[in-house]
Every structure is written in structure tokens, then in C-alpha cells.
Amino acid sequence: MTKITGIEITTHRLPLDPPFRASWDTQPRKHFDACIVRVHTDEGVTGVGSGDFMVGFQGHEHLFIGQDPLAIERHYRILANIQFHYGRCWPLDLALWDLAGKLTKQPVWKLVGGLSNKVRAYASSGTLRAPNELADAAERYLGEGFKALKIRFHRGDWRADIKALEAVRARVGNKLDLMVDCNQGWRMSWDQYKPWTLKEAIPVARELEKLEVFWMEEPLFRSDRDGMKRLRQMVDIRIAGGEMTRELYEFRDLMVDGCLDVIQPDAALVGGITGLRRVALMAEEHNLIFTPHTWTNGMGVVANAHLTAGLVEAPYLEMPYDPPEWSLDRRDFMMEKPLGVDKDGWVVLSDAPGMGYSLDEERLAATRIG
């Protein structure tokens, strides 16, 4: 039996000049950090994952060393315990899936279900651009093959956000499906401004309906389940959320209570692939859309793509991409080859064993910190 012989965790920092000004963050981001997890075995095969920062994992390595790497459900239970007591260490789950694929000589998308090797991506913007600039960007996305674009709100007045959205719709018509992220579900640790109430979200939803927006993401604070349910009952637009929800039972409750149309957990942040398989199938049983949040890095996007393509029929998968501030080179700096889309906007996964990505070891050595 193959055994785990070691778990190696390194952190890497890419300076960002100019900085990335994320719509959901009041502080400009002057660097981008990535945590890389390597799981080594006595056969010389190593699985690699990335995403969250493995806070709280130190001292728990012995719970995995000597174990069978393919005992993924066993490892999931331990990681769920670690999350409860310490922190989110789900990149280890992704590394274990990469390892499982390499040991069995299968791509992860086949191991999780084998439904498909591709999923259509929507371009997920991160910055707040002026209306004309956003319309120009929408045309570029369209020219690159994307069929859908997510636009961020947060200009201080939602009416200003609507003007930017109107500019895009006027420029590209119905050639792009448009999503809107209201960013009301959570805050950075230093931000104190209040989220919208149901009364405030309703008129925004009405305007989005007029512009035929595909979904309205995180219109209310994450704990306002009653508000989400009532909003969903009052409007026709799909309500999306759950990107930072931490417990799988919370997704069950969101579905059972009828709070959301679109379920958006991220395998790099909650549950890993092992946990989110349960959520994805539960969503399908409730006739809901399962399509992960993917704003970690390129390795996180790849992991979510394997899960989504292999297990469910999602209309789109999030592709964080907003050049020049958020380019593929920045997002995927740890990978030898960035993950992009083909001419028709599809993320196409290979038959390479595991996740199919390779690390840029030279760049990782140059950016290592700690």
C-alpha cells in the first residue's frame, strides 16, 4: 500500500505594481500571496494543491503521515475537524485528489464523475471601471470567446453601478450573458460599512431584471436567510450566493429553506472536492445551479473546473480575469502554463493524471517567503 511520507507547505508572494484594486476591498492589493501544499509518498509521487493559507494546520501532519493517500473520505473527516477547531486547510484535499489521479493515472474530472472534460467559463471582473471603459472591456471579452461576464457593484451608489451595467448592455446587446456581484455577503476584516437590507436590495433587483441579468450575487448579508428567501420569492432574477459559507450543513439549510437559485462554494476554501461533491449533487437534487466561486489562484480554478465539469451540468464556471490589473500571469504565477479558455469560451481539461497542472518551480523559488 502506498503511504503518505510528508506534507510540505510553502508560501509565495508576487509583488503587484501597479496594485490590484478589488471592488470588494477598500485597500489596494500591492502583492498576491499563494500557499502551495505538496503531499509526498513512498512511491515518489507527489500531489499538489493550492488555495487557502493552511492556517492552523501546523502540528497536525502526523494525522496524515503513514496513511493511504487514497483514503480520501477519512482525510476529509480529519480536515473537517481541523476546520472546526483551527482553520480552513482544504488545499490539502485538492493535493490529495491530484495525488489520487496521479496514482491511478486518471484526470480528476474522471475520478469525480467523468461527466465531461469541459465547462464554459464566464469572465469575472474584479475592478470598478467607468461605464465606457467597462463597455470596452466587455467587447474584448466577447472577442476572446467569452459568452458571459460578471460585473462588480460597489461604486457607493447602486444607481452608478446600474449606469455601468447599462453601458455594457448597450454596447454588446445580448451577445453576453451578464451577472452582477453585489458583494453584500461579507466584508474584509478592516471594513465596517453595512450591507443592504431587503428593502434596499429590491429596487436593485428590479433594475437588473430590466437589463436581463442572469443572476444577482450576494445581494444580502450571509446570515440573512429570511431576506434571501423573500427576495427570491419577490423577483424573477436568480439569486446567487454562498462563496464564503464554511460548513456543508449551511448549504443544506440554504437549499431546504429556498434561499438561493445558484450555489457558489469554492473547493479551495470550503470542503475541498470531497466535501463539495456532496453539495453539488444536493444542489442538482433541488434543481439549483452549482457553480463554484474561484477567486484564489489558477490552481484553485483548475480544481473547481475538474469538480464542476466532471460532476454537474453548470451553465458557467467563474474565470477570474480582468486585465491588466488581474491578468492570467498574475493569477497563475505559480503555474508553468496559465489556465485560459478556448475560442468559444470553454475551459477544456486534459486527460493528464491528476489536476493536469505543473508548477513553475523557478518562479516559486524566487517568490518564496517565510
Protein backbone atom coordinates (compact mmCIF):
# COMPACT_ATOMS: atom_id res chain seq x y z
CA MET A 1 0.00 0.00 0.00
CA THR A 2 1.22 3.45 -0.91
CA LYS A 3 1.77 5.67 2.13
CA ILE A 4 1.98 9.41 2.73
CA THR A 5 5.51 10.24 3.86
CA GLY A 6 5.36 14.01 4.21
CA ILE A 7 3.33 17.18 3.77
CA GLU A 8 5.23 20.26 2.60
CA ILE A 9 3.67 23.74 2.80
CA THR A 10 5.30 26.84 1.29
CA THR A 11 4.10 30.41 0.82
CA HIS A 12 4.95 32.67 -2.11
CA ARG A 13 4.46 36.40 -2.72
CA LEU A 14 4.16 38.15 -6.08
CA PRO A 15 4.56 41.96 -5.91
CA LEU A 16 1.76 43.81 -7.76
CA ASP A 17 2.86 47.04 -9.44
CA PRO A 18 0.50 48.65 -10.23
CA PRO A 19 -1.64 47.33 -7.37
CA PHE A 20 -4.89 45.47 -7.88
CA ARG A 21 -7.87 47.45 -6.62
CA ALA A 22 -10.52 44.84 -5.93
CA SER A 23 -14.09 46.12 -5.84
CA TRP A 24 -14.76 44.28 -2.57
CA ASP A 25 -11.68 45.65 -0.77
CA THR A 26 -11.15 49.26 0.31
CA GLN A 27 -7.38 48.72 0.43
CA PRO A 28 -5.35 48.32 -2.78
CA ARG A 29 -3.55 44.99 -3.05
CA LYS A 30 0.18 45.50 -3.52
CA HIS A 31 1.07 41.81 -3.51
CA PHE A 32 -0.55 38.44 -4.15
CA ASP A 33 0.24 35.50 -1.88
CA ALA A 34 -0.13 31.83 -2.73
CA CYS A 35 0.18 28.79 -0.47
CA ILE A 36 1.41 25.58 -2.13
CA VAL A 37 0.75 22.19 -0.50
CA ARG A 38 2.70 19.13 -1.56
CA VAL A 39 1.80 15.63 -0.37
CA HIS A 40 4.73 13.21 -0.79
CA THR A 41 4.50 9.40 -0.89
CA ASP A 42 6.86 6.46 -0.53
CA GLU A 43 6.39 5.78 -4.26
CA GLY A 44 7.96 9.12 -5.13
CA VAL A 45 4.65 10.51 -6.42
CA THR A 46 3.62 13.96 -5.15
CA GLY A 47 0.20 15.61 -5.19
CA VAL A 48 -0.05 19.40 -5.27
CA GLY A 49 -2.82 21.79 -4.24
CA SER A 50 -3.31 25.48 -3.52
CA GLY A 51 -5.94 27.97 -2.39
CA ASP A 52 -6.41 28.97 1.22
CA PHE A 53 -3.44 29.55 3.54
CA MET A 54 -3.47 26.37 5.69
CA VAL A 55 -3.72 28.44 8.88
CA GLY A 56 -3.88 26.11 11.85
CA PHE A 57 -2.51 23.03 10.10
CA GLN A 58 0.93 23.09 11.73
CA GLY A 59 1.20 20.26 14.23
CA HIS A 60 -1.41 18.09 12.52
CA GLU A 61 0.85 16.50 9.90
CA HIS A 62 1.08 13.29 11.93
CA LEU A 63 -2.65 12.68 11.37
CA PHE A 64 -1.91 12.01 7.70
CA ILE A 65 1.66 10.68 7.53
CA GLY A 66 1.73 6.89 7.18
CA GLN A 67 -1.85 6.83 5.87
CA ASP A 68 -3.10 5.60 2.50
CA PRO A 69 -3.42 8.69 0.27
CA LEU A 70 -6.48 7.18 -1.43
CA ALA A 71 -8.44 7.09 1.85
CA ILE A 72 -9.85 10.48 0.86
CA GLU A 73 -13.07 10.24 2.89
CA ARG A 74 -11.01 9.52 6.01
CA HIS A 75 -8.80 12.53 5.31
CA TYR A 76 -11.88 14.69 4.70
CA ARG A 77 -13.19 13.91 8.20
CA ILE A 78 -9.89 14.95 9.75
CA LEU A 79 -9.80 18.18 7.71
CA ALA A 80 -13.38 18.96 8.74
CA ASN A 81 -12.32 18.60 12.38
CA ILE A 82 -9.32 20.86 11.80
CA GLN A 83 -11.56 23.47 10.20
CA PHE A 84 -13.88 23.44 13.21
CA HIS A 85 -11.08 23.87 15.73
CA TYR A 86 -8.49 25.88 13.79
CA GLY A 87 -8.75 26.96 10.14
CA ARG A 88 -9.59 26.15 6.54
CA CYS A 89 -6.99 23.69 5.27
CA TRP A 90 -8.79 22.44 2.17
CA PRO A 91 -5.85 22.84 -0.26
CA LEU A 92 -4.65 19.57 1.28
CA ASP A 93 -7.80 17.88 -0.04
CA LEU A 94 -7.05 19.26 -3.52
CA ALA A 95 -3.49 17.96 -3.29
CA LEU A 96 -4.85 14.53 -2.31
CA TRP A 97 -7.12 14.48 -5.36
CA ASP A 98 -4.19 15.46 -7.58
CA LEU A 99 -2.23 12.63 -5.97
CA ALA A 100 -5.10 10.16 -6.41
CA GLY A 101 -5.24 10.99 -10.11
CA LYS A 102 -1.50 10.51 -10.49
CA LEU A 103 -1.54 7.19 -8.63
CA THR A 104 -4.47 5.83 -10.66
CA LYS A 105 -3.32 7.53 -13.89
CA GLN A 106 -6.66 9.31 -14.32
CA PRO A 107 -7.62 13.00 -14.54
CA VAL A 108 -9.57 14.27 -11.54
CA TRP A 109 -12.62 15.12 -13.68
CA LYS A 110 -12.94 11.39 -14.44
CA LEU A 111 -12.46 10.36 -10.82
CA VAL A 112 -15.20 12.68 -9.51
CA GLY A 113 -17.77 11.54 -12.07
CA GLY A 114 -16.46 11.61 -15.62
CA LEU A 115 -19.42 13.58 -16.93
CA SER A 116 -17.38 15.94 -19.11
CA ASN A 117 -13.88 17.30 -19.59
CA LYS A 118 -15.01 20.87 -20.19
CA VAL A 119 -17.14 23.65 -18.77
CA ARG A 120 -17.96 27.04 -20.24
CA ALA A 121 -16.41 29.95 -18.35
CA TYR A 122 -17.71 33.41 -17.57
CA ALA A 123 -15.19 36.23 -17.31
CA SER A 124 -15.26 37.50 -13.73
CA SER A 125 -14.13 41.12 -13.47
CA GLY A 126 -12.71 42.48 -10.25
CA THR A 127 -12.27 46.21 -10.69
CA LEU A 128 -14.68 49.14 -10.88
CA ARG A 129 -14.36 50.80 -14.28
CA ALA A 130 -16.09 53.82 -15.74
CA PRO A 131 -19.10 52.90 -17.92
CA ASN A 132 -17.33 53.39 -21.27
CA GLU A 133 -14.22 51.57 -20.07
CA LEU A 134 -16.32 48.67 -18.83
CA ALA A 135 -18.13 48.52 -22.17
CA ASP A 136 -14.75 48.45 -23.95
CA ALA A 137 -13.66 45.57 -21.70
CA ALA A 138 -16.89 43.70 -22.44
CA GLU A 139 -16.14 43.92 -26.16
CA ARG A 140 -12.66 42.50 -25.52
CA TYR A 141 -14.08 39.61 -23.54
CA LEU A 142 -16.51 38.88 -26.34
CA GLY A 143 -13.65 38.92 -28.84
CA GLU A 144 -11.72 36.40 -26.73
CA GLY A 145 -14.57 33.87 -26.86
CA PHE A 146 -16.39 34.50 -23.59
CA LYS A 147 -20.16 34.19 -23.67
CA ALA A 148 -20.77 35.70 -20.23
CA LEU A 149 -19.35 38.41 -17.96
CA LYS A 150 -19.74 39.17 -14.26
CA ILE A 151 -19.75 42.84 -13.30
CA ARG A 152 -18.97 44.16 -9.82
CA PHE A 153 -21.08 46.69 -7.95
CA HIS A 154 -19.61 48.90 -5.19
CA ARG A 155 -19.40 52.41 -6.60
CA GLY A 156 -21.02 53.89 -3.49
CA ASP A 157 -24.45 54.33 -5.10
CA TRP A 158 -26.10 51.41 -6.84
CA ARG A 159 -27.52 53.79 -9.43
CA ALA A 160 -23.96 54.46 -10.59
CA ASP A 161 -23.43 50.71 -10.80
CA ILE A 162 -26.55 50.40 -12.94
CA LYS A 163 -25.20 53.04 -15.36
CA ALA A 164 -22.05 50.97 -15.86
CA LEU A 165 -24.17 47.87 -16.46
CA GLU A 166 -26.38 49.76 -18.92
CA ALA A 167 -23.29 50.85 -20.86
CA VAL A 168 -22.23 47.24 -21.27
CA ARG A 169 -25.67 46.09 -22.35
CA ALA A 170 -25.92 48.95 -24.85
CA ARG A 171 -22.54 48.04 -26.34
CA VAL A 172 -22.76 44.25 -26.60
CA GLY A 173 -26.53 43.72 -26.58
CA ASN A 174 -27.44 40.13 -25.75
CA LYS A 175 -24.19 38.68 -27.07
CA LEU A 176 -23.03 38.27 -23.47
CA ASP A 177 -24.93 36.86 -20.53
CA LEU A 178 -24.36 39.32 -17.69
CA MET A 179 -24.11 38.53 -13.98
CA VAL A 180 -23.85 41.10 -11.19
CA ASP A 181 -21.97 40.64 -7.92
CA CYS A 182 -23.35 43.00 -5.27
CA ASN A 183 -20.70 41.93 -2.70
CA GLN A 184 -23.04 42.30 0.29
CA GLY A 185 -22.42 38.88 1.84
CA TRP A 186 -19.18 39.57 3.72
CA ARG A 187 -16.52 42.20 4.41
CA MET A 188 -12.75 42.39 4.66
CA SER A 189 -11.61 42.43 8.29
CA TRP A 190 -10.93 46.20 8.21
CA ASP A 191 -14.20 47.28 6.54
CA GLN A 192 -17.20 48.32 8.66
CA TYR A 193 -19.87 49.59 6.25
CA LYS A 194 -23.29 47.96 6.49
CA PRO A 195 -24.73 45.53 3.95
CA TRP A 196 -28.00 46.17 2.12
CA THR A 197 -31.32 45.36 3.72
CA LEU A 198 -34.07 43.54 1.85
CA LYS A 199 -35.84 46.86 1.23
CA GLU A 200 -32.65 48.24 -0.34
CA ALA A 201 -31.99 45.15 -2.46
CA ILE A 202 -35.46 45.00 -4.04
CA PRO A 203 -35.17 48.10 -6.29
CA VAL A 204 -31.71 46.95 -7.42
CA ALA A 205 -33.14 43.57 -8.36
CA ARG A 206 -35.92 45.24 -10.36
CA GLU A 207 -33.38 47.21 -12.39
CA LEU A 208 -31.30 44.10 -13.00
CA GLU A 209 -34.38 42.31 -14.27
CA LYS A 210 -34.95 45.06 -16.83
CA LEU A 211 -31.41 44.53 -18.09
CA GLU A 212 -31.93 40.73 -18.28
CA VAL A 213 -29.15 39.92 -15.83
CA PHE A 214 -28.52 36.17 -15.47
CA TRP A 215 -28.04 36.26 -11.70
CA MET A 216 -27.78 38.69 -8.79
CA GLU A 217 -24.98 37.58 -6.49
CA GLU A 218 -24.81 38.16 -2.74
CA PRO A 219 -27.46 40.91 -2.53
CA LEU A 220 -27.79 40.45 1.25
CA PHE A 221 -25.60 39.62 4.24
CA ARG A 222 -24.75 35.93 4.53
CA SER A 223 -26.83 35.43 7.70
CA ASP A 224 -29.99 37.00 6.28
CA ARG A 225 -31.54 33.74 5.13
CA ASP A 226 -35.09 35.00 5.57
CA GLY A 227 -34.25 38.05 3.44
CA MET A 228 -32.76 35.89 0.69
CA LYS A 229 -35.80 33.63 0.69
CA ARG A 230 -38.21 36.57 0.50
CA LEU A 231 -36.18 38.33 -2.19
CA ARG A 232 -36.09 35.14 -4.26
CA GLN A 233 -39.88 34.86 -3.96
CA MET A 234 -40.44 38.51 -4.94
CA VAL A 235 -38.26 38.72 -8.07
CA ASP A 236 -37.65 36.65 -11.19
CA ILE A 237 -33.87 37.11 -11.36
CA ARG A 238 -31.79 34.24 -9.98
CA ILE A 239 -30.27 34.84 -6.53
CA ALA A 240 -26.72 33.53 -6.07
CA GLY A 241 -24.50 33.17 -3.02
CA GLY A 242 -22.54 31.03 -0.60
CA GLU A 243 -18.97 31.72 -1.70
CA MET A 244 -17.66 32.15 1.87
CA THR A 245 -20.06 29.78 3.62
CA ARG A 246 -17.87 27.47 5.69
CA GLU A 247 -19.99 24.49 6.75
CA LEU A 248 -21.65 21.98 4.45
CA TYR A 249 -24.78 21.85 6.59
CA GLU A 250 -25.26 25.58 5.95
CA PHE A 251 -25.56 24.83 2.24
CA ARG A 252 -28.16 22.19 3.04
CA ASP A 253 -30.14 24.74 5.03
CA LEU A 254 -29.85 27.38 2.29
CA MET A 255 -31.26 24.90 -0.21
CA VAL A 256 -34.00 23.48 2.01
CA ASP A 257 -35.12 26.98 3.02
CA GLY A 258 -35.31 28.11 -0.63
CA CYS A 259 -32.80 30.95 -0.22
CA LEU A 260 -30.78 30.64 -3.44
CA ASP A 261 -31.03 29.67 -7.09
CA VAL A 262 -27.26 29.47 -7.60
CA ILE A 263 -24.92 27.76 -5.11
CA GLN A 264 -21.31 29.05 -5.17
CA PRO A 265 -18.91 27.34 -2.74
CA ASP A 266 -15.20 27.20 -3.58
CA ALA A 267 -13.36 23.88 -3.26
CA ALA A 268 -10.17 25.73 -2.29
CA LEU A 269 -11.94 27.46 0.63
CA VAL A 270 -14.59 25.08 1.94
CA GLY A 271 -14.88 21.31 1.89
CA GLY A 272 -12.37 20.64 -0.85
CA ILE A 273 -13.52 18.49 -3.74
CA THR A 274 -14.53 15.74 -1.29
CA GLY A 275 -16.98 17.93 0.59
CA LEU A 276 -18.31 19.86 -2.36
CA ARG A 277 -19.22 16.69 -4.24
CA ARG A 278 -21.98 16.36 -1.65
CA VAL A 279 -23.07 19.99 -2.11
CA ALA A 280 -23.04 19.75 -5.92
CA LEU A 281 -25.27 16.68 -6.01
CA MET A 282 -27.58 18.13 -3.37
CA ALA A 283 -27.94 21.27 -5.48
CA GLU A 284 -28.88 19.23 -8.54
CA GLU A 285 -31.47 17.33 -6.50
CA HIS A 286 -33.02 20.70 -5.57
CA ASN A 287 -32.96 21.84 -9.24
CA LEU A 288 -30.42 24.55 -8.42
CA ILE A 289 -27.30 25.68 -10.26
CA PHE A 290 -23.98 24.61 -8.73
CA THR A 291 -21.11 26.76 -9.99
CA PRO A 292 -18.14 27.44 -7.72
CA HIS A 293 -16.59 30.72 -6.68
CA THR A 294 -12.93 30.57 -7.83
CA TRP A 295 -11.09 33.70 -6.62
CA THR A 296 -7.99 32.06 -5.14
CA ASN A 297 -5.46 31.38 -7.90
CA GLY A 298 -5.12 29.37 -11.10
CA MET A 299 -4.66 26.09 -9.27
CA GLY A 300 -7.89 26.74 -7.38
CA VAL A 301 -9.69 27.48 -10.65
CA VAL A 302 -8.42 24.19 -12.12
CA ALA A 303 -9.64 22.22 -9.09
CA ASN A 304 -13.10 23.76 -9.29
CA ALA A 305 -13.18 23.12 -13.03
CA HIS A 306 -12.49 19.39 -12.52
CA LEU A 307 -15.23 19.16 -9.91
CA THR A 308 -17.78 21.08 -11.98
CA ALA A 309 -17.09 19.52 -15.38
CA GLY A 310 -16.83 16.00 -14.01
CA LEU A 311 -19.94 16.01 -11.83
CA VAL A 312 -22.64 18.52 -12.81
CA GLU A 313 -24.00 20.41 -15.80
CA ALA A 314 -23.24 24.01 -14.84
CA PRO A 315 -24.05 26.72 -17.39
CA TYR A 316 -20.83 28.56 -16.48
CA LEU A 317 -17.77 28.43 -14.23
CA GLU A 318 -16.13 31.57 -12.84
CA MET A 319 -12.88 32.63 -14.57
CA PRO A 320 -11.23 35.48 -12.59
CA TYR A 321 -9.80 37.61 -15.37
CA ASP A 322 -9.68 41.39 -15.54
CA PRO A 323 -6.55 42.54 -17.38
CA PRO A 324 -4.33 44.40 -16.95
CA GLU A 325 -4.92 44.63 -13.17
CA TRP A 326 -5.84 40.94 -12.84
CA SER A 327 -4.09 39.12 -15.66
CA LEU A 328 -3.61 35.39 -16.09
CA ASP A 329 0.12 35.91 -15.47
CA ARG A 330 -0.61 37.39 -12.04
CA ARG A 331 -3.34 34.95 -11.07
CA ASP A 332 -1.45 31.84 -12.22
CA PHE A 333 2.12 32.90 -11.43
CA MET A 334 2.79 29.59 -9.66
CA MET A 335 1.91 27.50 -12.74
CA GLU A 336 4.03 26.71 -15.78
CA LYS A 337 1.08 27.44 -18.06
CA PRO A 338 -1.86 29.72 -17.15
CA LEU A 339 -5.38 28.36 -17.44
CA GLY A 340 -7.38 30.08 -20.17
CA VAL A 341 -10.38 29.41 -22.38
CA ASP A 342 -10.64 28.26 -25.98
CA LYS A 343 -12.07 30.38 -28.81
CA ASP A 344 -15.62 29.52 -27.74
CA GLY A 345 -15.15 30.29 -24.06
CA TRP A 346 -14.67 26.75 -22.76
CA VAL A 347 -12.24 25.58 -20.09
CA VAL A 348 -11.05 22.28 -21.57
CA LEU A 349 -9.35 19.83 -19.21
CA SER A 350 -6.83 17.31 -20.43
CA ASP A 351 -6.52 13.57 -19.79
CA ALA A 352 -3.29 14.14 -17.85
CA PRO A 353 -3.30 12.32 -14.50
CA GLY A 354 -4.43 14.38 -11.53
CA MET A 355 -5.22 18.06 -11.94
CA GLY A 356 -3.04 18.38 -15.02
CA TYR A 357 -1.17 21.48 -13.89
CA SER A 358 2.59 21.83 -13.42
CA LEU A 359 4.38 24.21 -11.05
CA ASP A 360 6.77 26.91 -12.21
CA GLU A 361 9.44 25.89 -9.72
CA GLU A 362 11.85 28.65 -10.75
CA ARG A 363 9.28 31.36 -10.13
CA LEU A 364 8.17 29.73 -6.90
CA ALA A 365 11.76 29.72 -5.64
CA ALA A 366 12.08 33.41 -6.50
CA THR A 367 8.84 34.36 -4.73
CA ARG A 368 9.07 32.17 -1.62
CA ILE A 369 8.59 33.92 1.73
CA GLY A 370 8.58 32.78 5.36
